[in-house]
PDB file of N, CA and C in Angstrom:
ATOM      1  N   MET A   1      81.599 147.589  53.801  1.00  0.00           N
ATOM      2  CA  MET A   1      82.698 148.280  53.601  1.00  0.00           C
ATOM      3  C   MET A   1      81.965 149.189  52.772  1.00  0.00           C
ATOM      4  N   SER A   2      82.183 150.741  53.055  1.00  0.00           N
ATOM      5  CA  SER A   2      81.477 152.029  51.979  1.00  0.00           C
ATOM      6  C   SER A   2      82.214 152.969  51.549  1.00  0.00           C
ATOM      7  N   HIS A   3      81.970 152.558  49.655  1.00  0.00           N
ATOM      8  CA  HIS A   3      82.911 153.579  48.783  1.00  0.00           C
ATOM      9  C   HIS A   3      82.101 154.418  48.562  1.00  0.00           C
ATOM     10  N   GLU A   4      81.304 155.130  49.688  1.00  0.00           N
ATOM     11  CA  GLU A   4      80.916 156.494  49.606  1.00  0.00           C
ATOM     12  C   GLU A   4      82.219 157.707  49.258  1.00  0.00           C
ATOM     13  N   ASN A   5      81.994 158.367  48.778  1.00  0.00           N
ATOM     14  CA  ASN A   5      83.512 159.316  48.327  1.00  0.00           C
ATOM     15  C   ASN A   5      83.136 160.512  49.453  1.00  0.00           C
ATOM     16  N   ALA A   6      82.979 160.539  51.087  1.00  0.00           N
ATOM     17  CA  ALA A   6      82.539 161.796  51.459  1.00  0.00           C
ATOM     18  C   ALA A   6      83.514 162.638  51.877  1.00  0.00           C
ATOM     19  N   HIS A   7      85.108 162.420  51.273  1.00  0.00           N
ATOM     20  CA  HIS A   7      85.818 163.182  51.333  1.00  0.00           C
ATOM     21  C   HIS A   7      85.981 164.140  50.523  1.00  0.00           C
ATOM     22  N   SER A   8      84.765 163.722  49.452  1.00  0.00           N
ATOM     23  CA  SER A   8      85.360 164.331  47.809  1.00  0.00           C
ATOM     24  C   SER A   8      84.609 166.208  48.272  1.00  0.00           C
ATOM     25  N   SER A   9      83.860 166.354  49.085  1.00  0.00           N
ATOM     26  CA  SER A   9      83.618 167.579  49.344  1.00  0.00           C
ATOM     27  C   SER A   9      84.023 168.245  50.356  1.00  0.00           C
ATOM     28  N   ASN A  10      85.082 167.522  50.943  1.00  0.00           N
ATOM     29  CA  ASN A  10      85.558 167.894  52.146  1.00  0.00           C
ATOM     30  C   ASN A  10      86.070 169.916  51.516  1.00  0.00           C
ATOM     31  N   PRO A  11      85.502 170.347  52.748  1.00  0.00           N
ATOM     32  CA  PRO A  11      85.555 171.747  52.407  1.00  0.00           C
ATOM     33  C   PRO A  11      86.721 172.419  52.604  1.00  0.00           C
ATOM     34  N   GLU A  12      87.423 171.701  53.340  1.00  0.00           N
ATOM     35  CA  GLU A  12      88.942 171.846  53.726  1.00  0.00           C
ATOM     36  C   GLU A  12      89.834 171.810  52.461  1.00  0.00           C
ATOM     37  N   ILE A  13      89.810 170.992  52.220  1.00  0.00           N
ATOM     38  CA  ILE A  13      90.421 170.628  51.356  1.00  0.00           C
ATOM     39  C   ILE A  13      90.311 171.136  49.623  1.00  0.00           C
ATOM     40  N   ILE A  14      88.883 171.514  49.202  1.00  0.00           N
ATOM     41  CA  ILE A  14      88.775 172.317  48.393  1.00  0.00           C
ATOM     42  C   ILE A  14      88.852 173.698  48.534  1.00  0.00           C
ATOM     43  N   LYS A  15      88.936 174.448  49.888  1.00  0.00           N
ATOM     44  CA  LYS A  15      89.910 175.593  50.417  1.00  0.00           C
ATOM     45  C   LYS A  15      91.182 175.558  49.635  1.00  0.00           C
ATOM     46  N   ARG A  16      91.707 174.811  50.406  1.00  0.00           N
ATOM     47  CA  ARG A  16      93.144 174.888  50.419  1.00  0.00           C
ATOM     48  C   ARG A  16      93.341 174.978  48.781  1.00  0.00           C
ATOM     49  N   LEU A  17      93.089 173.739  48.051  1.00  0.00           N
ATOM     50  CA  LEU A  17      92.771 174.079  46.503  1.00  0.00           C
ATOM     51  C   LEU A  17      92.722 175.021  45.720  1.00  0.00           C
ATOM     52  N   ASN A  18      91.832 175.898  46.418  1.00  0.00           N
ATOM     53  CA  ASN A  18      91.251 176.961  45.621  1.00  0.00           C
ATOM     54  C   ASN A  18      91.929 178.011  45.633  1.00  0.00           C
ATOM     55  N   ARG A  19      93.010 177.977  46.881  1.00  0.00           N
ATOM     56  CA  ARG A  19      93.754 178.731  47.407  1.00  0.00           C
ATOM     57  C   ARG A  19      95.131 178.831  46.398  1.00  0.00           C
ATOM     58  N   THR A  20      95.244 177.608  46.363  1.00  0.00           N
ATOM     59  CA  THR A  20      96.737 177.355  45.774  1.00  0.00           C
ATOM     60  C   THR A  20      96.584 177.751  44.019  1.00  0.00           C
ATOM     61  N   ILE A  21      95.503 177.877  43.748  1.00  0.00           N
ATOM     62  CA  ILE A  21      95.286 178.052  42.243  1.00  0.00           C
ATOM     63  C   ILE A  21      95.049 179.498  42.319  1.00  0.00           C
ATOM     64  N   GLY A  22      94.712 180.374  43.035  1.00  0.00           N
ATOM     65  CA  GLY A  22      94.848 181.304  43.224  1.00  0.00           C
ATOM     66  C   GLY A  22      96.828 181.615  43.167  1.00  0.00           C
ATOM     67  N   GLN A  23      97.735 180.967  44.549  1.00  0.00           N
ATOM     68  CA  GLN A  23      99.109 181.452  44.407  1.00  0.00           C
ATOM     69  C   GLN A  23      99.627 180.726  42.696  1.00  0.00           C
ATOM     70  N   LEU A  24      98.932 179.899  42.424  1.00  0.00           N
ATOM     71  CA  LEU A  24      99.562 179.950  40.755  1.00  0.00           C
ATOM     72  C   LEU A  24      99.161 180.721  40.143  1.00  0.00           C
ATOM     73  N   GLN A  25      98.422 181.611  40.060  1.00  0.00           N
ATOM     74  CA  GLN A  25      98.093 182.283  38.787  1.00  0.00           C
ATOM     75  C   GLN A  25      98.768 183.436  39.294  1.00  0.00           C
ATOM     76  N   THR A  26      99.547 183.774  40.390  1.00  0.00           N
ATOM     77  CA  THR A  26     100.315 184.820  41.120  1.00  0.00           C
ATOM     78  C   THR A  26     101.230 184.319  40.397  1.00  0.00           C
ATOM     79  N   ILE A  27     101.676 182.956  40.850  1.00  0.00           N
ATOM     80  CA  ILE A  27     103.446 183.144  40.004  1.00  0.00           C
ATOM     81  C   ILE A  27     103.524 182.997  38.371  1.00  0.00           C
ATOM     82  N   VAL A  28     102.193 182.719  37.730  1.00  0.00           N
ATOM     83  CA  VAL A  28     102.790 183.255  36.362  1.00  0.00           C
ATOM     84  C   VAL A  28     102.545 184.331  36.320  1.00  0.00           C
ATOM     85  N   ARG A  29     101.929 185.294  37.145  1.00  0.00           N
ATOM     86  CA  ARG A  29     102.223 186.620  36.659  1.00  0.00           C
ATOM     87  C   ARG A  29     103.767 186.991  37.264  1.00  0.00           C
ATOM     88  N   MET A  30     104.339 186.647  38.252  1.00  0.00           N
ATOM     89  CA  MET A  30     105.658 186.730  39.003  1.00  0.00           C
ATOM     90  C   MET A  30     106.632 186.960  37.649  1.00  0.00           C
ATOM     91  N   ILE A  31     106.303 185.286  36.646  1.00  0.00           N
ATOM     92  CA  ILE A  31     107.383 185.065  36.151  1.00  0.00           C
ATOM     93  C   ILE A  31     107.299 185.941  34.902  1.00  0.00           C
ATOM     94  N   GLU A  32     105.915 186.390  34.295  1.00  0.00           N
ATOM     95  CA  GLU A  32     105.447 187.147  33.483  1.00  0.00           C
ATOM     96  C   GLU A  32     106.543 188.802  33.782  1.00  0.00           C
ATOM     97  N   GLU A  33     106.464 189.192  34.876  1.00  0.00           N
ATOM     98  CA  GLU A  33     107.142 190.182  35.251  1.00  0.00           C
ATOM     99  C   GLU A  33     108.534 190.416  35.401  1.00  0.00           C
ATOM    100  N   HIS A  34     108.949 189.192  35.486  1.00  0.00           N
ATOM    101  CA  HIS A  34     110.053 189.228  35.325  1.00  0.00           C
ATOM    102  C   HIS A  34     110.950 188.665  36.668  1.00  0.00           C
ATOM    103  N   ARG A  35     109.795 188.173  37.787  1.00  0.00           N
ATOM    104  CA  ARG A  35     110.805 188.518  39.098  1.00  0.00           C
ATOM    105  C   ARG A  35     111.645 187.666  39.258  1.00  0.00           C
ATOM    106  N   SER A  36     112.370 187.902  40.682  1.00  0.00           N
ATOM    107  CA  SER A  36     113.592 186.868  40.713  1.00  0.00           C
ATOM    108  C   SER A  36     113.392 185.752  41.068  1.00  0.00           C
ATOM    109  N   CYS A  37     114.052 184.774  40.459  1.00  0.00           N
ATOM    110  CA  CYS A  37     114.382 183.271  40.595  1.00  0.00           C
ATOM    111  C   CYS A  37     114.005 182.937  42.455  1.00  0.00           C
ATOM    112  N   PRO A  38     114.860 183.481  43.333  1.00  0.00           N
ATOM    113  CA  PRO A  38     114.678 183.102  44.484  1.00  0.00           C
ATOM    114  C   PRO A  38     113.118 183.087  44.917  1.00  0.00           C
ATOM    115  N   GLU A  39     112.353 184.567  44.586  1.00  0.00           N
ATOM    116  CA  GLU A  39     110.891 184.732  44.800  1.00  0.00           C
ATOM    117  C   GLU A  39     109.949 183.823  44.397  1.00  0.00           C
ATOM    118  N   VAL A  40     110.392 183.423  42.950  1.00  0.00           N
ATOM    119  CA  VAL A  40     109.696 182.841  42.391  1.00  0.00           C
ATOM    120  C   VAL A  40     109.461 181.449  42.718  1.00  0.00           C
ATOM    121  N   ALA A  41     110.821 180.950  43.583  1.00  0.00           N
ATOM    122  CA  ALA A  41     111.071 179.620  43.494  1.00  0.00           C
ATOM    123  C   ALA A  41     110.448 179.377  44.939  1.00  0.00           C
ATOM    124  N   MET A  42     110.764 180.201  45.646  1.00  0.00           N
ATOM    125  CA  MET A  42     109.759 180.439  47.335  1.00  0.00           C
ATOM    126  C   MET A  42     108.057 180.318  47.220  1.00  0.00           C
ATOM    127  N   GLN A  43     107.905 180.950  46.147  1.00  0.00           N
ATOM    128  CA  GLN A  43     106.257 180.573  46.258  1.00  0.00           C
ATOM    129  C   GLN A  43     105.721 179.622  45.228  1.00  0.00           C
ATOM    130  N   LEU A  44     106.752 178.692  44.186  1.00  0.00           N
ATOM    131  CA  LEU A  44     106.718 177.334  44.344  1.00  0.00           C
ATOM    132  C   LEU A  44     106.795 176.436  45.028  1.00  0.00           C
ATOM    133  N   GLN A  45     107.612 176.784  45.931  1.00  0.00           N
ATOM    134  CA  GLN A  45     107.452 175.727  47.116  1.00  0.00           C
ATOM    135  C   GLN A  45     106.484 175.493  48.311  1.00  0.00           C
ATOM    136  N   ALA A  46     105.819 177.234  48.697  1.00  0.00           N
ATOM    137  CA  ALA A  46     104.494 177.088  48.749  1.00  0.00           C
ATOM    138  C   ALA A  46     103.677 176.530  48.201  1.00  0.00           C
ATOM    139  N   VAL A  47     103.327 176.542  46.853  1.00  0.00           N
ATOM    140  CA  VAL A  47     102.805 175.836  46.103  1.00  0.00           C
ATOM    141  C   VAL A  47     102.567 173.935  46.533  1.00  0.00           C
ATOM    142  N   GLU A  48     103.844 173.957  46.324  1.00  0.00           N
ATOM    143  CA  GLU A  48     103.926 172.462  46.291  1.00  0.00           C
ATOM    144  C   GLU A  48     103.643 171.650  47.763  1.00  0.00           C
ATOM    145  N   LYS A  49     104.205 172.420  48.498  1.00  0.00           N
ATOM    146  CA  LYS A  49     103.769 171.877  50.170  1.00  0.00           C
ATOM    147  C   LYS A  49     102.477 171.669  50.161  1.00  0.00           C
ATOM    148  N   ALA A  50     101.478 172.869  49.642  1.00  0.00           N
ATOM    149  CA  ALA A  50      99.915 172.786  49.698  1.00  0.00           C
ATOM    150  C   ALA A  50      99.531 171.954  49.103  1.00  0.00           C
ATOM    151  N   ILE A  51      99.924 171.496  47.832  1.00  0.00           N
ATOM    152  CA  ILE A  51      98.992 170.341  47.269  1.00  0.00           C
ATOM    153  C   ILE A  51      99.303 169.154  47.670  1.00  0.00           C
ATOM    154  N   SER A  52     100.766 169.036  48.267  1.00  0.00           N
ATOM    155  CA  SER A  52     101.028 167.705  49.136  1.00  0.00           C
ATOM    156  C   SER A  52     100.589 167.443  49.965  1.00  0.00           C
ATOM    157  N   GLN A  53     100.261 168.886  51.204  1.00  0.00           N
ATOM    158  CA  GLN A  53      98.911 168.506  52.119  1.00  0.00           C
ATOM    159  C   GLN A  53      97.756 168.387  51.621  1.00  0.00           C
ATOM    160  N   ALA A  54      97.170 168.780  51.034  1.00  0.00           N
ATOM    161  CA  ALA A  54      95.702 168.226  50.442  1.00  0.00           C
ATOM    162  C   ALA A  54      96.026 167.155  49.976  1.00  0.00           C
ATOM    163  N   LYS A  55      97.159 166.038  49.655  1.00  0.00           N
ATOM    164  CA  LYS A  55      96.758 165.455  48.584  1.00  0.00           C
ATOM    165  C   LYS A  55      96.892 164.752  49.609  1.00  0.00           C
ATOM    166  N   LYS A  56      97.791 164.313  50.957  1.00  0.00           N
ATOM    167  CA  LYS A  56      97.977 163.396  51.958  1.00  0.00           C
ATOM    168  C   LYS A  56      96.103 163.840  52.775  1.00  0.00           C
ATOM    169  N   THR A  57      95.824 164.809  53.250  1.00  0.00           N
ATOM    170  CA  THR A  57      94.590 164.689  53.675  1.00  0.00           C
ATOM    171  C   THR A  57      93.475 164.199  53.282  1.00  0.00           C
ATOM    172  N   PHE A  58      93.280 164.470  51.550  1.00  0.00           N
ATOM    173  CA  PHE A  58      92.510 163.807  50.850  1.00  0.00           C
ATOM    174  C   PHE A  58      92.483 162.156  51.130  1.00  0.00           C
ATOM    175  N   ILE A  59      93.840 161.330  51.116  1.00  0.00           N
ATOM    176  CA  ILE A  59      94.139 159.858  51.128  1.00  0.00           C
ATOM    177  C   ILE A  59      93.932 159.824  52.471  1.00  0.00           C
ATOM    178  N   HIS A  60      94.101 159.940  53.266  1.00  0.00           N
ATOM    179  CA  HIS A  60      93.931 159.972  55.398  1.00  0.00           C
ATOM    180  C   HIS A  60      92.296 160.087  55.041  1.00  0.00           C
ATOM    181  N   ASN A  61      91.752 161.009  54.810  1.00  0.00           N
ATOM    182  CA  ASN A  61      90.073 160.869  54.589  1.00  0.00           C
ATOM    183  C   ASN A  61      89.800 159.770  54.156  1.00  0.00           C
ATOM    184  N   HIS A  62      90.099 159.465  52.867  1.00  0.00           N
ATOM    185  CA  HIS A  62      89.395 158.426  52.502  1.00  0.00           C
ATOM    186  C   HIS A  62      89.814 157.092  52.827  1.00  0.00           C
ATOM    187  N   ILE A  63      90.906 156.352  53.372  1.00  0.00           N
ATOM    188  CA  ILE A  63      91.102 155.366  54.286  1.00  0.00           C
ATOM    189  C   ILE A  63      90.588 155.483  55.262  1.00  0.00           C
ATOM    190  N   GLU A  64      90.013 156.327  55.949  1.00  0.00           N
ATOM    191  CA  GLU A  64      89.486 156.237  57.716  1.00  0.00           C
ATOM    192  C   GLU A  64      87.911 156.351  57.337  1.00  0.00           C
ATOM    193  N   ASN A  65      87.283 156.730  56.126  1.00  0.00           N
ATOM    194  CA  ASN A  65      86.144 156.724  55.890  1.00  0.00           C
ATOM    195  C   ASN A  65      85.633 155.615  55.029  1.00  0.00           C
ATOM    196  N   TRP A  66      86.646 155.159  54.300  1.00  0.00           N
ATOM    197  CA  TRP A  66      86.221 153.885  53.687  1.00  0.00           C
ATOM    198  C   TRP A  66      85.691 152.477  54.041  1.00  0.00           C
ATOM    199  N   LEU A  67      86.734 152.368  55.394  1.00  0.00           N
ATOM    200  CA  LEU A  67      86.209 151.097  55.952  1.00  0.00           C
ATOM    201  C   LEU A  67      85.322 151.105  57.022  1.00  0.00           C
ATOM    202  N   GLU A  68      84.330 149.958  57.312  1.00  0.00           N
ATOM    203  CA  GLU A  68      83.076 150.319  58.569  1.00  0.00           C
ATOM    204  C   GLU A  68      83.722 149.800  59.669  1.00  0.00           C
ATOM    205  N   PRO A  69      84.196 150.188  61.286  1.00  0.00           N
ATOM    206  CA  PRO A  69      84.320 149.339  62.175  1.00  0.00           C
ATOM    207  C   PRO A  69      83.679 147.854  62.228  1.00  0.00           C
ATOM    208  N   GLY A  70      84.387 147.265  62.358  1.00  0.00           N
ATOM    209  CA  GLY A  70      83.976 145.710  62.297  1.00  0.00           C
ATOM    210  C   GLY A  70      83.491 144.873  61.060  1.00  0.00           C
ATOM    211  N   GLU A  71      84.250 145.633  59.891  1.00  0.00           N
ATOM    212  CA  GLU A  71      83.956 144.737  58.780  1.00  0.00           C
ATOM    213  C   GLU A  71      84.589 144.073  58.373  1.00  0.00           C
ATOM    214  N   THR A  72      84.666 142.762  58.306  1.00  0.00           N
ATOM    215  CA  THR A  72      85.997 142.003  57.281  1.00  0.00           C
ATOM    216  C   THR A  72      86.727 142.721  56.298  1.00  0.00           C
ATOM    217  N   VAL A  73      88.331 142.915  56.148  1.00  0.00           N
ATOM    218  CA  VAL A  73      88.430 143.726  55.258  1.00  0.00           C
ATOM    219  C   VAL A  73      89.155 142.333  54.290  1.00  0.00           C
ATOM    220  N   THR A  74      88.226 142.189  52.835  1.00  0.00           N
ATOM    221  CA  THR A  74      88.370 141.303  51.657  1.00  0.00           C
ATOM    222  C   THR A  74      90.107 141.849  51.241  1.00  0.00           C
ATOM    223  N   LYS A  75      90.219 140.800  49.831  1.00  0.00           N
ATOM    224  CA  LYS A  75      91.295 141.305  49.269  1.00  0.00           C
ATOM    225  C   LYS A  75      91.305 142.342  48.187  1.00  0.00           C
ATOM    226  N   GLN A  76      89.810 142.510  48.031  1.00  0.00           N
ATOM    227  CA  GLN A  76      89.811 143.860  46.901  1.00  0.00           C
ATOM    228  C   GLN A  76      90.216 145.034  47.494  1.00  0.00           C
ATOM    229  N   ALA A  77      89.342 145.049  49.077  1.00  0.00           N
ATOM    230  CA  ALA A  77      89.972 146.563  49.825  1.00  0.00           C
ATOM    231  C   ALA A  77      91.327 146.635  49.921  1.00  0.00           C
ATOM    232  N   LEU A  78      92.740 145.228  50.150  1.00  0.00           N
ATOM    233  CA  LEU A  78      93.557 145.376  50.559  1.00  0.00           C
ATOM    234  C   LEU A  78      93.959 145.573  49.670  1.00  0.00           C
ATOM    235  N   GLN A  79      93.944 145.215  48.164  1.00  0.00           N
ATOM    236  CA  GLN A  79      94.433 145.544  46.789  1.00  0.00           C
ATOM    237  C   GLN A  79      94.338 147.434  46.703  1.00  0.00           C
ATOM    238  N   ASP A  80      93.081 147.580  47.051  1.00  0.00           N
ATOM    239  CA  ASP A  80      93.098 149.157  47.005  1.00  0.00           C
ATOM    240  C   ASP A  80      93.454 149.977  47.912  1.00  0.00           C
ATOM    241  N   LEU A  81      93.796 149.637  49.195  1.00  0.00           N
ATOM    242  CA  LEU A  81      94.909 150.248  49.827  1.00  0.00           C
ATOM    243  C   LEU A  81      96.169 150.271  49.530  1.00  0.00           C
ATOM    244  N   ARG A  82      96.749 149.145  48.728  1.00  0.00           N
ATOM    245  CA  ARG A  82      98.136 149.015  48.285  1.00  0.00           C
ATOM    246  C   ARG A  82      98.281 150.125  47.128  1.00  0.00           C
ATOM    247  N   ASP A  83      97.001 150.199  46.266  1.00  0.00           N
ATOM    248  CA  ASP A  83      97.358 150.832  45.244  1.00  0.00           C
ATOM    249  C   ASP A  83      97.491 152.762  45.730  1.00  0.00           C
ATOM    250  N   ILE A  84      96.431 153.004  46.990  1.00  0.00           N
ATOM    251  CA  ILE A  84      96.669 154.539  47.269  1.00  0.00           C
ATOM    252  C   ILE A  84      97.352 155.048  47.934  1.00  0.00           C
ATOM    253  N   SER A  85      98.364 154.038  48.310  1.00  0.00           N
ATOM    254  CA  SER A  85      99.517 154.342  49.221  1.00  0.00           C
ATOM    255  C   SER A  85     100.752 154.493  48.367  1.00  0.00           C
ATOM    256  N   LYS A  86     100.556 154.157  47.211  1.00  0.00           N
ATOM    257  CA  LYS A  86     101.829 154.882  46.477  1.00  0.00           C
ATOM    258  C   LYS A  86     101.750 155.931  46.155  1.00  0.00           C
ATOM    259  N   TYR A  87     100.564 156.836  46.509  1.00  0.00           N
ATOM    260  CA  TYR A  87     100.675 158.491  46.281  1.00  0.00           C
ATOM    261  C   TYR A  87     100.799 159.211  47.667  1.00  0.00           C
ATOM    262  N   LEU A  88     101.325 158.543  48.983  1.00  0.00           N
ATOM    263  CA  LEU A  88     101.410 158.733  49.921  1.00  0.00           C
ATOM    264  C   LEU A  88     102.723 159.193  50.298  1.00  0.00           C
TER     265      LEU A  88
END
């Protein structure tokens, strides 16, 4: 069983999260500028979706890279999968 966190350096996830940081900074400015609720809500929805997608990709990559083909699944591995599945 490989417990390397190869996914932790996934450049696509990092790029997506960095983009989301920029979106959040823009939303803060929009609120400070008293922009309309629908405009702000739309941007918040976009950020929420981006974070959700990054989370799914991160977890899926972890699961795919976690077990080596042909390995026996241990009780601990099953428990770890149960623990992480609640975040999907």
